[in-house]
Amino acid sequence: MTTTLTNAILDLDEKGRLLNPVFKGETKKAGRYGFRGDVALKFAEQFADEKRPPEICTDQVMMVCDDGATIPFFTSFLLSFEYLALVHEVMGPYFTPTGKYIVFCDNMDLSKKYTVKMGDITYSVLPIDEATVYNETLDLFYLEKIDLKKFDTAGKLDAVANAATKFSASYTPLSYEEGLKIMGPIRDLGANRPV
């Protein structure tokens, strides 16, 4: 595959949004470009030429770009449901109405699962229970970790993205505004850590 600026993932990379890549590049499937890592959603204000870390990120991202211009599969971790609006703002232009977009939110009730529609894009919003997006996604798509052990990171990303095409679930409909009212407090990730 020749990568061009029409590649959605490369476009995000050029904008400085792709961070801490575990994987970024062509996968085993011809014509597919993939990414695992973090995506910057909101940049900190910069003064002069200093570099600052982003204010808000979505972590543990897995996404692929098959046709160049769009991202048909995306999943990630959000510390707060509130950040879904930022995901939609930053990633929405690359998403399609038929894509699979799953976010695991840390401040949502563990017993609830929602379908949130923003514009033409539908997000599955789920609580995070298994500690990692990778494990949660494997459970969601009924993939066995042991079956994926033989693959490298690119192969695992392909397997997850292929399973996403078969994924269809309908959860309780929830508007973004309703979600803001019912979300819990944001957890302090640094709390209870040894100094």
C-alpha atoms as a PDB file:
ATOM      1  CA  MET A   1       0.000   0.000   0.000  1.00  0.00           C
ATOM      2  CA  THR A   2       1.318   3.415  -0.833  1.00  0.00           C
ATOM      3  CA  THR A   3       0.627   5.744   1.999  1.00  0.00           C
ATOM      4  CA  THR A   4      -0.546   9.199   1.046  1.00  0.00           C
ATOM      5  CA  LEU A   5      -1.885  12.155   2.947  1.00  0.00           C
ATOM      6  CA  THR A   6      -5.370  10.883   2.194  1.00  0.00           C
ATOM      7  CA  ASN A   7      -4.672   8.163   4.755  1.00  0.00           C
ATOM      8  CA  ALA A   8      -6.732   9.188   7.788  1.00  0.00           C
ATOM      9  CA  ILE A   9      -4.248   7.781  10.310  1.00  0.00           C
ATOM     10  CA  LEU A  10      -1.291   9.512   8.673  1.00  0.00           C
ATOM     11  CA  ASP A  11      -3.300  12.727   8.573  1.00  0.00           C
ATOM     12  CA  LEU A  12      -3.872  12.492  12.335  1.00  0.00           C
ATOM     13  CA  ASP A  13      -0.177  11.734  12.822  1.00  0.00           C
ATOM     14  CA  GLU A  14       0.834  14.783  10.819  1.00  0.00           C
ATOM     15  CA  LYS A  15      -1.378  16.904  13.083  1.00  0.00           C
ATOM     16  CA  GLY A  16       0.569  15.574  16.099  1.00  0.00           C
ATOM     17  CA  ARG A  17      -2.425  13.697  17.505  1.00  0.00           C
ATOM     18  CA  LEU A  18      -0.982  10.158  17.551  1.00  0.00           C
ATOM     19  CA  LEU A  19       1.064   9.508  20.681  1.00  0.00           C
ATOM     20  CA  ASN A  20       2.955   6.611  22.280  1.00  0.00           C
ATOM     21  CA  PRO A  21       2.470   4.170  19.401  1.00  0.00           C
ATOM     22  CA  VAL A  22       2.650   0.485  20.242  1.00  0.00           C
ATOM     23  CA  PHE A  23       2.016   0.002  16.540  1.00  0.00           C
ATOM     24  CA  LYS A  24       1.665   2.396  13.613  1.00  0.00           C
ATOM     25  CA  GLY A  25       1.903   1.172  10.061  1.00  0.00           C
ATOM     26  CA  GLU A  26       0.694  -1.281   7.466  1.00  0.00           C
ATOM     27  CA  THR A  27      -0.954  -4.385   8.850  1.00  0.00           C
ATOM     28  CA  LYS A  28      -0.982  -7.893   7.368  1.00  0.00           C
ATOM     29  CA  LYS A  29      -4.174  -7.166   5.425  1.00  0.00           C
ATOM     30  CA  ALA A  30      -3.378  -5.551   2.094  1.00  0.00           C
ATOM     31  CA  GLY A  31      -4.394  -1.900   1.981  1.00  0.00           C
ATOM     32  CA  ARG A  32      -4.956  -1.589   5.722  1.00  0.00           C
ATOM     33  CA  TYR A  33      -3.094   0.870   7.914  1.00  0.00           C
ATOM     34  CA  GLY A  34      -3.397   0.518  11.677  1.00  0.00           C
ATOM     35  CA  PHE A  35      -2.592   2.280  14.924  1.00  0.00           C
ATOM     36  CA  ARG A  36      -2.391   1.288  18.586  1.00  0.00           C
ATOM     37  CA  GLY A  37      -1.486   3.948  21.126  1.00  0.00           C
ATOM     38  CA  ASP A  38      -2.975   7.207  22.397  1.00  0.00           C
ATOM     39  CA  VAL A  39      -4.689  10.080  20.605  1.00  0.00           C
ATOM     40  CA  ALA A  40      -4.430  13.692  21.765  1.00  0.00           C
ATOM     41  CA  LEU A  41      -7.907  15.219  21.986  1.00  0.00           C
ATOM     42  CA  LYS A  42      -7.078  18.643  23.412  1.00  0.00           C
ATOM     43  CA  PHE A  43      -3.707  20.335  23.303  1.00  0.00           C
ATOM     44  CA  ALA A  44      -2.385  22.477  26.130  1.00  0.00           C
ATOM     45  CA  GLU A  45      -1.797  26.132  25.352  1.00  0.00           C
ATOM     46  CA  GLN A  46       1.768  26.650  24.161  1.00  0.00           C
ATOM     47  CA  PHE A  47       3.903  29.663  24.853  1.00  0.00           C
ATOM     48  CA  ALA A  48       6.679  30.534  22.403  1.00  0.00           C
ATOM     49  CA  ASP A  49       8.212  27.303  21.111  1.00  0.00           C
ATOM     50  CA  GLU A  50       7.832  25.182  24.254  1.00  0.00           C
ATOM     51  CA  LYS A  51       6.341  21.712  23.908  1.00  0.00           C
ATOM     52  CA  ARG A  52       3.642  20.700  26.378  1.00  0.00           C
ATOM     53  CA  PRO A  53       1.854  17.391  26.752  1.00  0.00           C
ATOM     54  CA  PRO A  54      -1.794  17.328  25.655  1.00  0.00           C
ATOM     55  CA  GLU A  55      -4.406  18.322  28.223  1.00  0.00           C
ATOM     56  CA  ILE A  56      -6.740  15.456  27.298  1.00  0.00           C
ATOM     57  CA  CYS A  57      -6.028  12.158  25.544  1.00  0.00           C
ATOM     58  CA  THR A  58      -7.913   9.018  24.746  1.00  0.00           C
ATOM     59  CA  ASP A  59      -5.770   6.051  25.692  1.00  0.00           C
ATOM     60  CA  GLN A  60      -5.352   2.450  24.552  1.00  0.00           C
ATOM     61  CA  VAL A  61      -6.632   3.301  21.076  1.00  0.00           C
ATOM     62  CA  MET A  62      -6.990   0.614  18.419  1.00  0.00           C
ATOM     63  CA  MET A  63      -8.035   1.759  14.960  1.00  0.00           C
ATOM     64  CA  VAL A  64      -7.630   0.884  11.304  1.00  0.00           C
ATOM     65  CA  CYS A  65      -7.926   2.709   8.014  1.00  0.00           C
ATOM     66  CA  ASP A  66      -8.864   0.456   5.077  1.00  0.00           C
ATOM     67  CA  ASP A  67      -9.687   2.795   2.216  1.00  0.00           C
ATOM     68  CA  GLY A  68      -7.399   5.676   3.060  1.00  0.00           C
ATOM     69  CA  ALA A  69      -9.871   8.433   3.867  1.00  0.00           C
ATOM     70  CA  THR A  70     -11.955   6.863   6.633  1.00  0.00           C
ATOM     71  CA  ILE A  71     -11.549   4.901   9.848  1.00  0.00           C
ATOM     72  CA  PRO A  72     -14.133   2.070   9.984  1.00  0.00           C
ATOM     73  CA  PHE A  73     -13.056   0.752  13.401  1.00  0.00           C
ATOM     74  CA  PHE A  74     -11.991   2.631  16.527  1.00  0.00           C
ATOM     75  CA  THR A  75     -11.962   1.717  20.187  1.00  0.00           C
ATOM     76  CA  SER A  76     -10.382   3.467  23.158  1.00  0.00           C
ATOM     77  CA  PHE A  77     -10.467   4.352  26.855  1.00  0.00           C
ATOM     78  CA  LEU A  78     -11.875   7.633  28.154  1.00  0.00           C
ATOM     79  CA  LEU A  79     -11.327   8.793  31.706  1.00  0.00           C
ATOM     80  CA  SER A  80     -14.644  10.648  31.465  1.00  0.00           C
ATOM     81  CA  PHE A  81     -17.776  10.253  29.350  1.00  0.00           C
ATOM     82  CA  GLU A  82     -17.593  14.021  28.861  1.00  0.00           C
ATOM     83  CA  TYR A  83     -14.579  13.520  26.547  1.00  0.00           C
ATOM     84  CA  LEU A  84     -16.759  11.716  23.999  1.00  0.00           C
ATOM     85  CA  ALA A  85     -17.517  15.142  22.510  1.00  0.00           C
ATOM     86  CA  LEU A  86     -13.779  15.655  21.948  1.00  0.00           C
ATOM     87  CA  VAL A  87     -13.467  12.208  20.359  1.00  0.00           C
ATOM     88  CA  HIS A  88     -16.304  13.149  18.019  1.00  0.00           C
ATOM     89  CA  GLU A  89     -14.738  16.526  17.232  1.00  0.00           C
ATOM     90  CA  VAL A  90     -11.258  15.122  16.509  1.00  0.00           C
ATOM     91  CA  MET A  91     -12.059  11.696  15.069  1.00  0.00           C
ATOM     92  CA  GLY A  92     -15.596  12.232  13.724  1.00  0.00           C
ATOM     93  CA  PRO A  93     -14.446  13.649  10.371  1.00  0.00           C
ATOM     94  CA  TYR A  94     -12.728  10.305   9.678  1.00  0.00           C
ATOM     95  CA  PHE A  95     -15.634   8.137  10.878  1.00  0.00           C
ATOM     96  CA  THR A  96     -18.496   6.772   8.764  1.00  0.00           C
ATOM     97  CA  PRO A  97     -22.134   6.021   9.678  1.00  0.00           C
ATOM     98  CA  THR A  98     -21.484   2.290   9.136  1.00  0.00           C
ATOM     99  CA  GLY A  99     -18.271   2.120  11.200  1.00  0.00           C
ATOM    100  CA  LYS A 100     -17.826   0.477  14.605  1.00  0.00           C
ATOM    101  CA  TYR A 101     -16.851   2.995  17.297  1.00  0.00           C
ATOM    102  CA  ILE A 102     -16.539   1.761  20.858  1.00  0.00           C
ATOM    103  CA  VAL A 103     -15.407   3.768  23.861  1.00  0.00           C
ATOM    104  CA  PHE A 104     -14.869   2.405  27.339  1.00  0.00           C
ATOM    105  CA  CYS A 105     -15.560   5.074  29.959  1.00  0.00           C
ATOM    106  CA  ASP A 106     -14.125   4.994  33.455  1.00  0.00           C
ATOM    107  CA  ASN A 107     -16.878   7.064  35.081  1.00  0.00           C
ATOM    108  CA  MET A 108     -19.960   5.163  33.912  1.00  0.00           C
ATOM    109  CA  ASP A 109     -22.059   2.675  35.889  1.00  0.00           C
ATOM    110  CA  LEU A 110     -20.476  -0.787  35.501  1.00  0.00           C
ATOM    111  CA  SER A 111     -23.868  -2.393  34.902  1.00  0.00           C
ATOM    112  CA  LYS A 112     -24.909  -0.099  32.028  1.00  0.00           C
ATOM    113  CA  LYS A 113     -24.136  -0.036  28.306  1.00  0.00           C
ATOM    114  CA  TYR A 114     -25.274   2.723  25.964  1.00  0.00           C
ATOM    115  CA  THR A 115     -25.628   3.659  22.329  1.00  0.00           C
ATOM    116  CA  VAL A 116     -24.876   7.354  21.834  1.00  0.00           C
ATOM    117  CA  LYS A 117     -25.539   8.994  18.483  1.00  0.00           C
ATOM    118  CA  MET A 118     -23.671  12.181  17.621  1.00  0.00           C
ATOM    119  CA  GLY A 119     -24.526  13.494  14.176  1.00  0.00           C
ATOM    120  CA  ASP A 120     -24.437  10.502  11.813  1.00  0.00           C
ATOM    121  CA  ILE A 121     -21.978   8.561  13.977  1.00  0.00           C
ATOM    122  CA  THR A 122     -23.065   5.936  16.502  1.00  0.00           C
ATOM    123  CA  TYR A 123     -20.856   5.153  19.498  1.00  0.00           C
ATOM    124  CA  SER A 124     -21.129   2.143  21.777  1.00  0.00           C
ATOM    125  CA  VAL A 125     -20.300   3.483  25.241  1.00  0.00           C
ATOM    126  CA  LEU A 126     -19.380   0.796  27.734  1.00  0.00           C
ATOM    127  CA  PRO A 127     -17.944   0.752  31.242  1.00  0.00           C
ATOM    128  CA  ILE A 128     -14.379  -0.522  31.626  1.00  0.00           C
ATOM    129  CA  ASP A 129     -14.248  -3.599  33.795  1.00  0.00           C
ATOM    130  CA  GLU A 130     -11.276  -5.669  32.620  1.00  0.00           C
ATOM    131  CA  ALA A 131      -8.678  -2.879  33.054  1.00  0.00           C
ATOM    132  CA  THR A 132      -7.591  -2.713  29.399  1.00  0.00           C
ATOM    133  CA  VAL A 133      -9.370  -1.850  26.177  1.00  0.00           C
ATOM    134  CA  TYR A 134      -7.652  -4.794  24.490  1.00  0.00           C
ATOM    135  CA  ASN A 135      -9.098  -7.316  26.982  1.00  0.00           C
ATOM    136  CA  GLU A 136     -12.524  -5.642  26.955  1.00  0.00           C
ATOM    137  CA  THR A 137     -12.603  -5.644  23.152  1.00  0.00           C
ATOM    138  CA  LEU A 138     -11.599  -9.307  22.932  1.00  0.00           C
ATOM    139  CA  ASP A 139     -14.440 -10.161  25.331  1.00  0.00           C
ATOM    140  CA  LEU A 140     -16.890  -8.011  23.384  1.00  0.00           C
ATOM    141  CA  PHE A 141     -15.997  -9.676  20.064  1.00  0.00           C
ATOM    142  CA  TYR A 142     -15.727 -13.191  21.574  1.00  0.00           C
ATOM    143  CA  LEU A 143     -12.065 -13.506  20.616  1.00  0.00           C
ATOM    144  CA  GLU A 144      -9.789 -15.809  22.605  1.00  0.00           C
ATOM    145  CA  LYS A 145      -6.476 -14.320  23.695  1.00  0.00           C
ATOM    146  CA  ILE A 146      -4.760 -17.670  23.229  1.00  0.00           C
ATOM    147  CA  ASP A 147      -5.836 -17.769  19.553  1.00  0.00           C
ATOM    148  CA  LEU A 148      -4.188 -14.391  18.960  1.00  0.00           C
ATOM    149  CA  LYS A 149      -0.871 -15.241  20.670  1.00  0.00           C
ATOM    150  CA  LYS A 150       0.588 -16.535  17.397  1.00  0.00           C
ATOM    151  CA  PHE A 151       0.167 -13.081  15.789  1.00  0.00           C
ATOM    152  CA  ASP A 152       2.381 -10.029  16.092  1.00  0.00           C
ATOM    153  CA  THR A 153       0.798  -6.666  16.986  1.00  0.00           C
ATOM    154  CA  ALA A 154      -0.219  -5.972  13.368  1.00  0.00           C
ATOM    155  CA  GLY A 155      -1.857  -9.408  13.090  1.00  0.00           C
ATOM    156  CA  LYS A 156      -3.727  -8.955  16.373  1.00  0.00           C
ATOM    157  CA  LEU A 157      -5.002  -5.566  15.199  1.00  0.00           C
ATOM    158  CA  ASP A 158      -6.215  -7.174  11.953  1.00  0.00           C
ATOM    159  CA  ALA A 159      -8.017  -9.929  13.881  1.00  0.00           C
ATOM    160  CA  VAL A 160      -9.767  -7.403  16.134  1.00  0.00           C
ATOM    161  CA  ALA A 161     -10.691  -5.127  13.197  1.00  0.00           C
ATOM    162  CA  ASN A 162     -12.040  -8.101  11.218  1.00  0.00           C
ATOM    163  CA  ALA A 163     -14.158  -9.172  14.201  1.00  0.00           C
ATOM    164  CA  ALA A 164     -15.468  -5.599  14.494  1.00  0.00           C
ATOM    165  CA  THR A 165     -17.111  -5.878  11.072  1.00  0.00           C
ATOM    166  CA  LYS A 166     -19.341  -8.646  12.473  1.00  0.00           C
ATOM    167  CA  PHE A 167     -20.107  -6.796  15.700  1.00  0.00           C
ATOM    168  CA  SER A 168     -23.648  -5.552  16.098  1.00  0.00           C
ATOM    169  CA  ALA A 169     -25.129  -4.684  19.416  1.00  0.00           C
ATOM    170  CA  SER A 170     -27.881  -2.375  20.413  1.00  0.00           C
ATOM    171  CA  TYR A 171     -27.668  -0.844  23.849  1.00  0.00           C
ATOM    172  CA  THR A 172     -29.869   1.587  25.730  1.00  0.00           C
ATOM    173  CA  PRO A 173     -30.058   4.805  23.659  1.00  0.00           C
ATOM    174  CA  LEU A 174     -28.569   7.771  25.481  1.00  0.00           C
ATOM    175  CA  SER A 175     -28.049  11.336  24.363  1.00  0.00           C
ATOM    176  CA  TYR A 176     -24.731  12.999  25.110  1.00  0.00           C
ATOM    177  CA  GLU A 177     -26.533  15.530  27.325  1.00  0.00           C
ATOM    178  CA  GLU A 178     -28.220  12.750  29.337  1.00  0.00           C
ATOM    179  CA  GLY A 179     -24.861  11.010  29.705  1.00  0.00           C
ATOM    180  CA  LEU A 180     -23.316  14.130  31.204  1.00  0.00           C
ATOM    181  CA  LYS A 181     -26.019  14.121  33.907  1.00  0.00           C
ATOM    182  CA  ILE A 182     -25.523  10.494  34.936  1.00  0.00           C
ATOM    183  CA  MET A 183     -21.744  10.108  34.676  1.00  0.00           C
ATOM    184  CA  GLY A 184     -19.779   9.647  37.878  1.00  0.00           C
ATOM    185  CA  PRO A 185     -16.769  11.620  39.130  1.00  0.00           C
ATOM    186  CA  ILE A 186     -13.464  11.429  37.283  1.00  0.00           C
ATOM    187  CA  ARG A 187     -11.029   9.124  39.024  1.00  0.00           C
ATOM    188  CA  ASP A 188      -7.633  10.470  40.072  1.00  0.00           C
ATOM    189  CA  LEU A 189      -5.199   8.121  38.328  1.00  0.00           C
ATOM    190  CA  GLY A 190      -2.380   9.181  40.644  1.00  0.00           C
ATOM    191  CA  ALA A 191      -4.238   8.391  43.860  1.00  0.00           C
ATOM    192  CA  ASN A 192      -2.899   5.574  46.062  1.00  0.00           C
ATOM    193  CA  ARG A 193       0.288   5.247  44.044  1.00  0.00           C
ATOM    194  CA  PRO A 194       3.566   4.895  45.932  1.00  0.00           C
ATOM    195  CA  VAL A 195       5.827   7.939  45.769  1.00  0.00           C
END
